[in-house]
N, C-alpha and C. Protein backbone atom coordinates (compact mmCIF):
# COMPACT_ATOMS: atom_id res chain seq x y z
N UNK A 1 17.32 -5.15 -51.87
CA UNK A 1 16.81 -4.06 -50.92
C UNK A 1 16.70 -4.84 -49.38
N UNK A 2 17.67 -3.89 -48.42
CA UNK A 2 17.17 -4.79 -46.99
C UNK A 2 16.44 -3.06 -46.40
N UNK A 3 15.22 -3.70 -46.07
CA UNK A 3 14.28 -2.42 -45.30
C UNK A 3 14.52 -2.59 -43.60
N UNK A 4 14.74 -1.34 -43.03
CA UNK A 4 14.77 -1.59 -41.71
C UNK A 4 13.87 -2.04 -41.22
N UNK A 5 13.54 -2.89 -40.10
CA UNK A 5 12.52 -2.95 -39.48
C UNK A 5 12.25 -2.19 -38.46
N UNK A 6 11.57 -1.00 -39.12
CA UNK A 6 11.22 0.17 -38.33
C UNK A 6 9.62 -0.78 -37.64
N UNK A 7 8.82 -1.63 -38.21
CA UNK A 7 7.54 -2.05 -37.44
C UNK A 7 7.73 -2.81 -35.69
N UNK A 8 9.21 -3.67 -37.07
CA UNK A 8 9.22 -4.60 -35.54
C UNK A 8 9.81 -3.94 -34.17
N UNK A 9 10.48 -2.77 -34.29
CA UNK A 9 11.33 -1.84 -33.57
C UNK A 9 9.80 -1.57 -32.62
N UNK A 10 9.09 -0.81 -33.05
CA UNK A 10 7.51 -0.17 -33.17
C UNK A 10 7.07 -1.17 -31.71
N UNK A 11 7.21 -2.29 -32.63
CA UNK A 11 5.93 -3.36 -31.46
C UNK A 11 6.83 -3.74 -30.43
N UNK A 12 8.28 -3.96 -30.04
CA UNK A 12 8.92 -4.20 -28.96
C UNK A 12 8.99 -2.76 -28.06
N UNK A 13 8.76 -1.54 -28.48
CA UNK A 13 8.63 -0.99 -27.52
C UNK A 13 7.35 -0.85 -27.08
N UNK A 14 6.05 -0.94 -27.72
CA UNK A 14 4.98 -0.79 -27.11
C UNK A 14 4.56 -1.92 -26.17
N UNK A 15 5.30 -2.94 -26.49
CA UNK A 15 5.44 -4.25 -25.70
C UNK A 15 6.00 -3.80 -24.42
N UNK A 16 7.30 -3.39 -24.24
CA UNK A 16 7.67 -2.59 -23.21
C UNK A 16 6.88 -1.42 -22.35
N UNK A 17 6.24 -0.59 -23.29
CA UNK A 17 5.52 0.39 -22.58
C UNK A 17 3.96 -0.29 -22.31
N UNK A 18 3.52 -1.18 -22.13
CA UNK A 18 2.38 -1.86 -21.68
C UNK A 18 2.59 -3.15 -20.69
N UNK A 19 3.98 -3.64 -20.59
CA UNK A 19 4.32 -4.27 -19.45
C UNK A 19 4.80 -3.43 -18.25
N UNK A 20 5.01 -2.41 -18.85
CA UNK A 20 5.56 -0.90 -17.37
C UNK A 20 3.95 -0.64 -16.78
N UNK A 21 3.04 -1.03 -17.85
CA UNK A 21 2.08 -0.65 -17.05
C UNK A 21 1.33 -1.39 -16.39
N UNK A 22 1.35 -3.15 -16.69
CA UNK A 22 0.36 -3.65 -16.34
C UNK A 22 1.40 -4.89 -14.76
N UNK A 23 2.61 -4.03 -14.89
CA UNK A 23 3.59 -4.77 -13.72
C UNK A 23 2.65 -3.59 -12.44
N UNK A 24 2.32 -2.85 -13.22
CA UNK A 24 1.85 -1.97 -11.62
C UNK A 24 0.40 -2.34 -11.24
N UNK A 25 -0.41 -3.36 -11.77
CA UNK A 25 -1.86 -3.19 -11.68
C UNK A 25 -2.22 -3.79 -9.72
N UNK A 26 -1.01 -4.35 -9.57
CA UNK A 26 -1.70 -4.87 -7.86
C UNK A 26 -0.55 -4.31 -6.93
N UNK A 27 -0.03 -3.15 -7.38
CA UNK A 27 1.12 -2.80 -6.87
C UNK A 27 0.83 -1.32 -6.16
N UNK A 28 0.77 -0.89 -4.95
CA UNK A 28 0.60 0.10 -4.10
C UNK A 28 1.59 0.39 -3.21
N UNK A 29 1.69 1.36 -2.82
CA UNK A 29 2.59 1.81 -2.11
C UNK A 29 2.16 2.38 -1.00
N UNK A 30 1.64 2.06 0.12
CA UNK A 30 1.12 2.53 1.36
C UNK A 30 2.19 2.87 2.56
N UNK A 31 2.10 4.07 3.62
CA UNK A 31 2.46 4.69 4.23
C UNK A 31 1.73 5.48 4.80
N UNK A 32 1.97 5.47 6.41
CA UNK A 32 1.41 6.38 7.24
C UNK A 32 1.67 6.15 8.57
N UNK A 33 0.95 6.37 9.76
CA UNK A 33 1.06 6.02 11.30
C UNK A 33 0.18 6.07 11.86
N UNK A 34 0.25 5.35 13.13
CA UNK A 34 -1.13 4.67 13.98
C UNK A 34 -1.55 5.42 15.17
N UNK A 35 -2.37 5.61 15.33
CA UNK A 35 -2.43 5.96 17.28
C UNK A 35 -4.06 5.46 17.44
N UNK A 36 -3.70 5.43 19.11
CA UNK A 36 -5.09 5.07 19.71
C UNK A 36 -5.48 5.78 21.25
N UNK A 37 -6.77 5.28 21.48
CA UNK A 37 -6.97 6.15 22.42
C UNK A 37 -7.22 4.37 23.16
N UNK A 38 -7.57 4.41 24.61
CA UNK A 38 -7.49 3.28 25.22
C UNK A 38 -8.56 3.19 26.24
N UNK A 39 -8.71 2.29 27.43
CA UNK A 39 -9.21 2.87 28.65
C UNK A 39 -7.84 2.51 29.75
N UNK A 40 -8.44 2.97 30.62
CA UNK A 40 -7.47 3.09 31.88
C UNK A 40 -6.41 1.61 32.11
N UNK A 41 -5.20 1.85 32.24
CA UNK A 41 -4.54 0.55 32.37
C UNK A 41 -3.63 -0.17 31.17
N UNK A 42 -4.15 0.74 30.25
CA UNK A 42 -4.20 -0.28 28.20
C UNK A 42 -3.26 1.14 27.87
N UNK A 43 -1.84 0.70 27.37
CA UNK A 43 -1.50 1.78 26.74
C UNK A 43 -0.95 1.77 25.22
N UNK A 44 -0.69 2.80 24.42
CA UNK A 44 -0.15 2.25 23.00
C UNK A 44 1.21 3.30 23.27
N UNK A 45 1.87 2.41 21.84
CA UNK A 45 3.13 3.35 21.73
C UNK A 45 2.41 3.85 19.98
N UNK A 46 2.82 4.93 19.61
CA UNK A 46 2.48 5.02 18.22
C UNK A 46 3.54 4.36 17.58
N UNK A 47 2.87 4.34 15.95
CA UNK A 47 3.49 3.64 15.21
C UNK A 47 3.73 4.00 13.74
N UNK A 48 4.28 3.49 12.67
CA UNK A 48 4.57 4.01 11.49
C UNK A 48 4.39 2.50 10.56
N UNK A 49 4.02 2.80 9.37
CA UNK A 49 4.26 1.88 8.48
C UNK A 49 4.56 2.33 6.94
N UNK A 50 4.99 1.49 6.48
CA UNK A 50 5.59 1.95 4.82
C UNK A 50 5.80 0.45 4.18
N UNK A 51 5.19 0.43 2.81
CA UNK A 51 5.45 -1.23 1.92
C UNK A 51 4.66 -1.09 0.95
N UNK A 52 4.87 -1.81 -0.09
CA UNK A 52 4.62 -2.26 -0.99
C UNK A 52 3.82 -3.31 -1.53
N UNK A 53 2.75 -3.49 -1.85
CA UNK A 53 2.19 -4.52 -1.77
C UNK A 53 2.66 -5.42 -2.96
N UNK A 54 2.76 -6.67 -3.10
CA UNK A 54 2.89 -7.76 -3.84
C UNK A 54 2.23 -8.77 -4.47
N UNK A 55 1.79 -8.79 -5.74
CA UNK A 55 0.28 -9.50 -5.65
C UNK A 55 -0.74 -9.25 -4.91
N UNK A 56 -0.81 -7.80 -4.76
CA UNK A 56 -2.00 -7.69 -4.16
C UNK A 56 -1.91 -7.78 -2.69
N UNK A 57 -0.92 -8.33 -2.02
CA UNK A 57 -1.07 -8.09 -0.43
C UNK A 57 0.48 -7.87 0.26
N UNK A 58 0.36 -6.78 1.30
CA UNK A 58 1.31 -6.47 2.33
C UNK A 58 1.11 -6.71 3.59
N UNK A 59 2.24 -7.87 4.15
CA UNK A 59 2.22 -7.46 5.58
C UNK A 59 2.84 -6.33 6.16
N UNK A 60 2.31 -6.08 7.52
CA UNK A 60 2.95 -4.64 8.44
C UNK A 60 3.07 -5.97 9.97
N UNK A 61 3.85 -6.12 10.36
CA UNK A 61 3.97 -6.31 11.97
C UNK A 61 4.17 -5.35 12.42
N UNK A 62 4.63 -4.02 12.46
CA UNK A 62 4.50 -3.46 13.70
C UNK A 62 3.74 -1.62 13.20
N UNK A 63 2.68 -2.16 13.70
CA UNK A 63 1.93 -0.88 13.67
C UNK A 63 1.29 0.05 14.59
N UNK A 64 2.65 -0.21 15.75
CA UNK A 64 2.20 0.32 17.28
C UNK A 64 2.39 -0.73 18.50
N UNK A 65 2.52 -0.47 19.29
CA UNK A 65 1.95 -1.67 19.86
C UNK A 65 1.35 -1.07 21.79
N UNK A 66 0.57 -2.25 22.68
CA UNK A 66 -0.45 -1.94 23.01
C UNK A 66 0.26 -2.52 24.45
N UNK A 67 0.20 -1.79 25.59
CA UNK A 67 0.51 -2.37 27.04
C UNK A 67 -0.31 -2.15 28.44
N UNK A 68 -0.21 -3.58 28.86
CA UNK A 68 -0.84 -3.60 29.67
C UNK A 68 -0.34 -3.55 31.09
N UNK A 69 -1.21 -2.65 31.69
CA UNK A 69 -0.38 -2.44 33.31
C UNK A 69 -0.71 -3.73 34.15
N UNK A 70 0.84 -4.07 35.05
CA UNK A 70 0.38 -4.82 36.30
C UNK A 70 -0.46 -4.62 36.71
N UNK A 71 -1.11 -3.81 37.12
CA UNK A 71 -2.10 -3.56 38.35
C UNK A 71 -3.67 -3.07 37.75
N UNK A 72 -3.88 -4.07 36.28
CA UNK A 72 -4.70 -3.41 35.90
C UNK A 72 -6.00 -4.11 36.12
N UNK A 73 -7.20 -3.55 35.97
CA UNK A 73 -8.48 -3.61 36.43
C UNK A 73 -9.13 -4.68 35.51
N UNK A 74 -10.42 -5.05 35.87
CA UNK A 74 -11.09 -5.72 35.13
C UNK A 74 -12.06 -4.96 34.58
N UNK A 75 -11.43 -5.78 32.70
CA UNK A 75 -12.22 -5.01 31.48
C UNK A 75 -13.40 -5.72 30.92
N UNK A 76 -14.51 -4.59 31.10
CA UNK A 76 -15.76 -5.99 30.37
C UNK A 76 -16.29 -5.08 29.11
N UNK A 77 -16.29 -5.32 28.15
CA UNK A 77 -16.27 -4.84 26.70
C UNK A 77 -16.03 -3.14 27.04
N UNK A 78 -14.49 -2.74 27.31
CA UNK A 78 -14.39 -1.46 27.30
C UNK A 78 -13.62 -0.88 25.88
N UNK A 79 -13.78 0.15 25.61
CA UNK A 79 -13.66 0.36 23.78
C UNK A 79 -12.44 1.41 24.29
N UNK A 80 -11.87 1.18 22.79
CA UNK A 80 -10.38 2.13 22.24
C UNK A 80 -10.99 2.13 21.20
N UNK A 81 -9.91 2.99 20.52
CA UNK A 81 -10.16 3.60 18.89
C UNK A 81 -8.90 3.98 18.14
N UNK A 82 -8.35 3.01 17.29
CA UNK A 82 -7.11 3.18 16.34
C UNK A 82 -7.75 3.67 15.29
N UNK A 83 -6.53 4.95 15.21
CA UNK A 83 -6.74 5.34 14.01
C UNK A 83 -5.45 5.26 13.10
N UNK A 84 -5.52 5.01 11.80
CA UNK A 84 -4.64 4.95 10.73
C UNK A 84 -4.34 5.97 9.91
N UNK A 85 -3.58 6.63 9.81
CA UNK A 85 -3.44 7.91 8.71
C UNK A 85 -2.50 7.54 7.70
N UNK A 86 -3.42 7.27 6.70
CA UNK A 86 -2.61 7.43 5.24
C UNK A 86 -1.95 8.61 4.44
N UNK A 87 -0.94 8.54 4.42
CA UNK A 87 -0.25 9.54 3.67
C UNK A 87 -0.15 9.14 2.09
N UNK A 88 0.11 8.05 2.08
CA UNK A 88 0.19 7.30 0.71
C UNK A 88 -0.89 6.25 0.51
N UNK A 89 -1.44 6.11 -0.16
CA UNK A 89 -1.60 6.63 -1.33
C UNK A 89 -2.58 7.83 -1.21
N UNK A 90 -2.38 8.90 -2.01
CA UNK A 90 -2.56 9.89 -1.57
C UNK A 90 -4.55 9.83 -2.09
N UNK A 91 -5.60 10.87 -1.88
CA UNK A 91 -6.65 10.50 -3.29
C UNK A 91 -7.54 9.89 -2.54
N UNK A 92 -7.82 8.98 -1.27
CA UNK A 92 -8.57 8.28 -0.85
C UNK A 92 -10.22 9.10 -0.94
N UNK A 93 -10.89 8.06 -1.55
CA UNK A 93 -12.02 8.61 -1.37
C UNK A 93 -12.23 9.20 -2.01
N UNK A 94 -11.43 9.69 -3.35
CA UNK A 94 -11.59 11.08 -4.24
C UNK A 94 -11.07 12.25 -3.53
N UNK A 95 -10.61 12.10 -2.70
CA UNK A 95 -9.95 13.40 -2.07
C UNK A 95 -8.65 14.10 -2.36
N UNK A 96 -8.22 15.16 -1.59
CA UNK A 96 -7.19 15.62 -2.32
C UNK A 96 -6.00 14.69 -1.88
N UNK A 97 -4.56 15.77 -1.64
CA UNK A 97 -3.59 14.86 -1.57
C UNK A 97 -3.46 15.10 0.44
N UNK A 98 -4.19 15.55 0.63
CA UNK A 98 -4.30 15.60 2.32
C UNK A 98 -4.45 14.20 2.77
N UNK A 99 -4.21 13.50 4.15
CA UNK A 99 -4.05 12.32 4.48
C UNK A 99 -5.52 12.21 4.87
N UNK A 100 -5.47 10.63 4.90
CA UNK A 100 -6.94 10.20 5.12
C UNK A 100 -6.63 9.19 6.30
N UNK A 101 -7.91 9.63 7.12
CA UNK A 101 -7.52 8.70 8.69
C UNK A 101 -8.96 7.72 8.72
N UNK A 102 -8.18 6.18 8.69
CA UNK A 102 -9.51 5.08 8.76
C UNK A 102 -9.54 4.71 10.33
N UNK A 103 -10.11 4.75 11.23
CA UNK A 103 -10.83 4.66 12.41
C UNK A 103 -11.56 3.00 12.46
N UNK A 104 -10.70 2.49 13.25
CA UNK A 104 -11.72 0.98 13.83
C UNK A 104 -11.31 1.32 15.17
N UNK A 105 -12.48 0.34 15.64
CA UNK A 105 -12.91 0.50 17.07
C UNK A 105 -12.63 -1.02 17.59
N UNK A 106 -12.29 -1.51 18.77
CA UNK A 106 -11.67 -2.63 19.71
C UNK A 106 -12.81 -3.01 20.99
N UNK A 107 -12.98 -4.07 21.44
CA UNK A 107 -13.45 -4.40 22.81
C UNK A 107 -12.26 -4.76 23.43
N UNK A 108 -12.27 -4.21 24.85
CA UNK A 108 -11.03 -4.84 25.41
C UNK A 108 -11.41 -5.34 26.75
N UNK A 109 -11.65 -7.00 27.07
CA UNK A 109 -12.22 -7.90 27.49
C UNK A 109 -10.92 -8.71 28.18
N UNK A 110 -11.25 -8.75 29.92
CA UNK A 110 -10.29 -9.43 30.78
C UNK A 110 -10.24 -11.28 30.53
N UNK A 111 -9.52 -11.82 30.13
CA UNK A 111 -9.31 -13.07 30.14
C UNK A 111 -9.26 -13.57 31.59
N UNK A 112 -9.50 -15.34 31.39
CA UNK A 112 -9.25 -16.21 32.91
C UNK A 112 -7.53 -15.89 33.42
N UNK A 113 -6.87 -15.48 32.59
CA UNK A 113 -5.28 -15.55 33.21
C UNK A 113 -4.95 -14.18 33.37
N UNK A 114 -5.77 -13.69 33.73
CA UNK A 114 -5.76 -12.19 34.00
C UNK A 114 -5.24 -11.19 33.26
N UNK A 115 -5.03 -11.63 31.47
CA UNK A 115 -4.84 -10.50 31.26
C UNK A 115 -5.64 -9.80 30.05
N UNK A 116 -5.64 -9.30 28.79
CA UNK A 116 -6.97 -8.62 28.33
C UNK A 116 -6.63 -8.88 26.53
N UNK A 117 -7.47 -9.19 26.62
CA UNK A 117 -7.67 -9.00 24.92
C UNK A 117 -8.70 -8.04 23.85
N UNK A 118 -7.81 -7.73 22.98
CA UNK A 118 -8.59 -6.43 22.13
C UNK A 118 -9.07 -7.31 20.83
N UNK A 119 -10.31 -7.26 20.65
CA UNK A 119 -11.06 -7.67 19.65
C UNK A 119 -11.30 -6.31 18.53
N UNK A 120 -11.07 -6.21 17.37
CA UNK A 120 -11.63 -4.99 16.60
C UNK A 120 -13.13 -5.66 16.10
N UNK A 121 -13.49 -4.50 15.95
CA UNK A 121 -15.13 -4.87 16.07
C UNK A 121 -15.49 -4.89 14.37
N UNK A 122 -14.48 -3.62 13.70
CA UNK A 122 -14.25 -3.49 12.33
C UNK A 122 -13.16 -3.49 11.58
N UNK A 123 -12.61 -4.75 11.88
CA UNK A 123 -10.98 -5.13 11.89
C UNK A 123 -10.49 -4.53 9.88
N UNK A 124 -11.28 -4.75 9.47
CA UNK A 124 -11.05 -4.20 7.98
C UNK A 124 -12.13 -3.24 7.09
N UNK A 125 -11.20 -2.36 6.41
CA UNK A 125 -11.87 -1.39 5.76
C UNK A 125 -11.25 -1.14 4.42
N UNK A 126 -12.13 -1.41 3.25
CA UNK A 126 -11.63 -1.16 1.86
C UNK A 126 -11.67 0.39 1.77
N UNK A 127 -10.61 0.90 1.08
CA UNK A 127 -10.71 2.26 0.92
C UNK A 127 -9.96 2.60 -1.08
N UNK A 128 -11.10 3.46 -1.27
CA UNK A 128 -10.79 3.97 -2.57
C UNK A 128 -10.03 4.85 -2.98
N UNK A 129 -9.25 5.17 -3.83
CA UNK A 129 -8.28 6.15 -4.26
C UNK A 129 -8.46 6.88 -5.48
N UNK A 130 -8.19 8.36 -6.19
CA UNK A 130 -7.85 8.65 -7.38
C UNK A 130 -7.18 9.39 -7.21
N UNK A 131 -6.13 9.90 -7.71
CA UNK A 131 -5.08 10.75 -8.20
C UNK A 131 -4.71 11.04 -9.38
N UNK A 132 -3.53 11.63 -9.14
CA UNK A 132 -2.97 11.80 -10.52
C UNK A 132 -1.94 10.81 -11.22
N UNK A 133 -2.02 9.63 -10.54
CA UNK A 133 -1.11 8.61 -11.57
C UNK A 133 -2.50 7.37 -11.62
N UNK A 134 -3.62 7.61 -11.02
CA UNK A 134 -4.75 6.65 -11.70
C UNK A 134 -5.64 6.04 -10.12
N UNK A 135 -6.29 5.24 -10.11
CA UNK A 135 -7.44 4.85 -9.32
C UNK A 135 -7.29 3.53 -8.85
N UNK A 136 -7.61 3.40 -7.92
CA UNK A 136 -6.99 2.00 -7.18
C UNK A 136 -7.83 1.61 -6.05
N UNK A 137 -7.59 0.74 -5.05
CA UNK A 137 -8.25 0.24 -4.07
C UNK A 137 -7.49 -0.75 -3.31
N UNK A 138 -8.11 -0.92 -1.89
CA UNK A 138 -7.52 -1.85 -1.34
C UNK A 138 -7.97 -1.94 -0.24
N UNK A 139 -7.58 -2.94 0.96
CA UNK A 139 -8.57 -2.97 1.80
C UNK A 139 -7.59 -3.47 3.15
N UNK A 140 -7.70 -2.92 4.07
CA UNK A 140 -6.47 -2.67 5.36
C UNK A 140 -7.38 -3.55 6.48
N UNK A 141 -6.45 -4.43 7.24
CA UNK A 141 -7.32 -5.06 7.53
C UNK A 141 -6.06 -5.34 9.31
N UNK A 142 -6.66 -5.40 10.52
CA UNK A 142 -5.97 -5.11 11.81
C UNK A 142 -6.20 -7.27 12.01
N UNK A 143 -5.32 -7.44 12.40
CA UNK A 143 -5.11 -8.49 13.92
C UNK A 143 -5.49 -8.42 15.15
N UNK A 144 -6.63 -9.13 15.58
CA UNK A 144 -6.88 -9.04 17.55
C UNK A 144 -5.46 -8.95 18.11
N UNK A 145 -5.70 -8.77 19.16
CA UNK A 145 -4.17 -8.51 20.39
C UNK A 145 -4.31 -9.26 21.63
N UNK A 146 -3.48 -9.71 22.38
CA UNK A 146 -3.47 -10.43 23.56
C UNK A 146 -2.28 -10.02 24.05
N UNK A 147 -2.95 -9.57 25.38
CA UNK A 147 -2.45 -9.01 26.44
C UNK A 147 -2.30 -9.49 27.34
N UNK A 148 -0.99 -9.67 28.37
CA UNK A 148 -0.67 -10.42 29.57
C UNK A 148 -0.70 -9.32 30.76
N UNK A 149 -0.70 -9.30 32.08
CA UNK A 149 -0.19 -8.35 33.21
C UNK A 149 1.40 -8.12 32.33
N UNK A 150 1.61 -6.72 32.66
CA UNK A 150 2.73 -5.71 32.27
C UNK A 150 3.52 -6.54 31.12
N UNK A 151 2.55 -7.14 30.50
CA UNK A 151 3.11 -7.01 28.97
C UNK A 151 2.60 -6.31 27.98
N UNK A 152 3.78 -6.16 26.60
CA UNK A 152 3.57 -5.36 25.98
C UNK A 152 3.39 -6.51 24.35
N UNK A 153 2.30 -6.27 23.59
CA UNK A 153 1.97 -7.02 22.54
C UNK A 153 2.08 -6.19 21.41
N UNK A 154 2.88 -6.37 20.33
CA UNK A 154 2.72 -5.37 18.80
C UNK A 154 1.31 -5.67 18.43
N UNK A 155 1.02 -4.65 17.83
CA UNK A 155 -0.10 -4.64 16.72
C UNK A 155 0.32 -5.04 15.45
N UNK A 156 -0.59 -5.91 14.45
CA UNK A 156 -0.13 -6.07 13.52
C UNK A 156 -1.33 -6.05 12.46
N UNK A 157 -0.84 -6.61 10.99
CA UNK A 157 -1.99 -6.26 10.17
C UNK A 157 -1.67 -6.64 8.81
N UNK A 158 -2.57 -6.33 7.66
CA UNK A 158 -2.13 -6.34 5.90
C UNK A 158 -2.89 -5.83 5.69
N UNK A 159 -1.99 -6.09 3.88
CA UNK A 159 -3.72 -4.87 2.98
C UNK A 159 -3.83 -6.38 1.67
N UNK A 160 -4.63 -6.48 1.73
CA UNK A 160 -5.30 -7.12 0.55
C UNK A 160 -6.46 -6.52 -0.37
N UNK A 161 -6.48 -7.28 -1.46
CA UNK A 161 -7.23 -6.82 -2.57
C UNK A 161 -6.43 -5.90 -3.01
N UNK A 162 -5.48 -5.30 -3.41
CA UNK A 162 -4.92 -3.94 -3.53
C UNK A 162 -4.96 -4.34 -5.79
N UNK A 163 -5.36 -3.06 -5.71
CA UNK A 163 -5.33 -3.23 -7.68
C UNK A 163 -5.04 -1.83 -7.77
N UNK A 164 -4.64 -0.96 -9.02
CA UNK A 164 -4.29 -0.23 -9.23
C UNK A 164 -4.45 0.29 -10.87
N UNK A 165 -5.13 1.15 -11.30
CA UNK A 165 -5.31 1.73 -12.68
C UNK A 165 -4.60 2.58 -13.07
N UNK A 166 -3.43 2.43 -13.48
CA UNK A 166 -2.62 4.21 -14.07
C UNK A 166 -3.57 4.86 -15.24
N UNK A 167 -3.55 6.54 -15.05
CA UNK A 167 -4.20 7.47 -15.84
C UNK A 167 -3.21 6.75 -17.13
N UNK A 168 -3.95 7.19 -18.45
CA UNK A 168 -3.41 6.95 -19.70
C UNK A 168 -1.86 7.74 -19.84
N UNK A 169 -1.72 9.36 -19.05
CA UNK A 169 -0.55 9.38 -19.25
C UNK A 169 0.55 9.03 -19.38
N UNK A 170 1.47 8.42 -19.62
CA UNK A 170 2.76 7.91 -19.48
C UNK A 170 3.37 9.19 -18.12
N UNK A 171 4.00 7.56 -17.22
CA UNK A 171 4.84 8.35 -16.27
C UNK A 171 5.89 8.27 -16.43
N UNK A 172 6.70 8.95 -15.68
CA UNK A 172 8.24 9.30 -16.15
C UNK A 172 8.92 7.92 -16.08
N UNK A 173 8.31 6.92 -15.60
CA UNK A 173 9.63 5.56 -15.08
C UNK A 173 9.15 5.28 -16.46
N UNK A 174 7.79 5.10 -17.07
CA UNK A 174 7.57 4.70 -18.44
C UNK A 174 8.05 5.58 -19.75
N UNK A 175 8.43 6.73 -19.48
CA UNK A 175 8.97 7.23 -20.45
C UNK A 175 10.35 6.90 -20.50
N UNK A 176 11.07 7.03 -19.49
CA UNK A 176 12.09 6.32 -19.10
C UNK A 176 12.68 5.14 -19.93
N UNK A 177 11.81 4.30 -19.58
CA UNK A 177 11.60 2.97 -20.12
C UNK A 177 11.89 2.90 -21.61
N UNK A 178 11.08 3.59 -22.26
CA UNK A 178 10.86 4.00 -23.80
C UNK A 178 12.10 4.64 -24.13
N UNK A 179 12.48 5.62 -23.58
CA UNK A 179 14.18 6.03 -24.04
C UNK A 179 14.60 5.11 -24.07
N UNK A 180 15.02 4.39 -23.33
CA UNK A 180 16.07 3.27 -23.24
C UNK A 180 16.48 2.22 -24.13
N UNK A 181 15.11 2.01 -24.08
CA UNK A 181 14.59 0.95 -25.53
C UNK A 181 14.79 1.72 -26.95
N UNK A 182 14.70 2.29 -26.71
CA UNK A 182 14.91 3.39 -28.20
C UNK A 182 16.64 3.33 -28.08
N UNK A 183 17.03 3.62 -26.99
CA UNK A 183 18.78 3.62 -27.48
C UNK A 183 19.30 2.62 -27.69
N UNK A 184 18.53 1.47 -27.05
CA UNK A 184 19.29 -0.02 -27.05
C UNK A 184 19.02 -0.62 -28.57
N UNK A 185 18.10 -0.29 -29.04
CA UNK A 185 17.44 -0.48 -30.13
C UNK A 185 17.96 0.60 -31.43
N UNK A 186 18.82 1.32 -31.24
CA UNK A 186 19.82 2.24 -32.53
C UNK A 186 20.60 1.74 -33.13
N UNK A 187 21.60 0.57 -32.48
CA UNK A 187 22.51 0.09 -33.57
C UNK A 187 21.81 -0.62 -34.23
N UNK A 188 20.46 -1.30 -34.53
CA UNK A 188 19.64 -2.03 -35.32
C UNK A 188 19.54 -1.04 -36.44
N UNK A 189 19.43 -0.28 -36.00
CA UNK A 189 18.87 0.64 -37.48
C UNK A 189 19.99 1.12 -38.55
N UNK A 190 21.50 1.22 -37.95
CA UNK A 190 22.33 1.46 -38.53
C UNK A 190 21.99 2.92 -39.69
N UNK A 191 21.69 4.06 -39.29
CA UNK A 191 20.80 5.20 -40.15
C UNK A 191 22.25 5.54 -40.36
N UNK A 192 22.36 5.51 -42.26
CA UNK A 192 23.19 6.29 -43.09
C UNK A 192 22.62 7.22 -43.52
N UNK A 193 21.48 7.40 -43.88
CA UNK A 193 20.33 8.02 -44.23
C UNK A 193 18.87 8.45 -44.48
N UNK A 194 17.85 8.71 -44.93
CA UNK A 194 16.54 8.15 -44.55
C UNK A 194 16.49 7.09 -44.54
N UNK A 195 15.27 6.83 -43.65
CA UNK A 195 14.61 5.09 -43.32
C UNK A 195 14.41 4.61 -44.70
N UNK A 196 13.98 5.68 -45.05
CA UNK A 196 13.06 4.79 -46.65
C UNK A 196 13.67 5.21 -47.76
N UNK A 197 15.13 5.89 -47.67
CA UNK A 197 15.91 5.67 -48.30
C UNK A 197 16.86 4.56 -48.60
N UNK A 198 16.76 3.62 -49.77
CA UNK A 198 17.70 2.77 -49.84
C UNK A 198 18.06 2.46 -51.22
N UNK A 199 19.23 2.50 -51.38
CA UNK A 199 19.96 2.45 -52.89
C UNK A 199 19.76 0.79 -53.42
C-alpha cells in the first residue's frame, strides 16, 4: 500500500511560510519628503525619497538640495532645521497612519574658501513603529553638506539598523505563496478518492 506523503507536503508548505516571513526581517519600505528652514543666503529645494532596505541598509542620494548665494555673507553657527516627513512606514512611535516628522538641526559656518559647511547637530534619529503589519525600528542618518558660493549641493542620507517583526496574522503575500505551493504540489497527490482510503 502506498500512502500519500501528506506530512512531507505540510512540512514543505510550513517551510515556505516561515521563509516568506523571515525574508522580511530587515526589509522596510520608506517613503517621505524633506523641507528646510535656512539662514538668509541659503535656499533649499524640497526633496522626496522612497526605497526599501536590504540587509538593514538603504541609501538616499537625493533628499533635496541646498544652494548658497554668490553674494552670501559670513555665517557663524547660524542654524537651520530640516524636517523629514515619513509617510511609510506608518505608526512611528506607536502613532496612527498619519505621517511622522523627524526634525534635524544644523549649524552653518563660513569656511576659508568663502563657502559654507552645514554640520548637523543631531544627524541620526532612531525611530520605532507599530502598525497592523507588525513592529520595527530603523535609524535615519544625514550626511553633512559643503557649499561653494553660487553652488548647489544635494543632501544625502541613509537608513541603518532596520528590523521588522510581522504580526502573527498571515499577510496577503503569504497566503498567496501558500496557495501557490499547494497548487504546485497537487499533482503529487494524484487524488482518486479520500486520502486515507487505499485499497
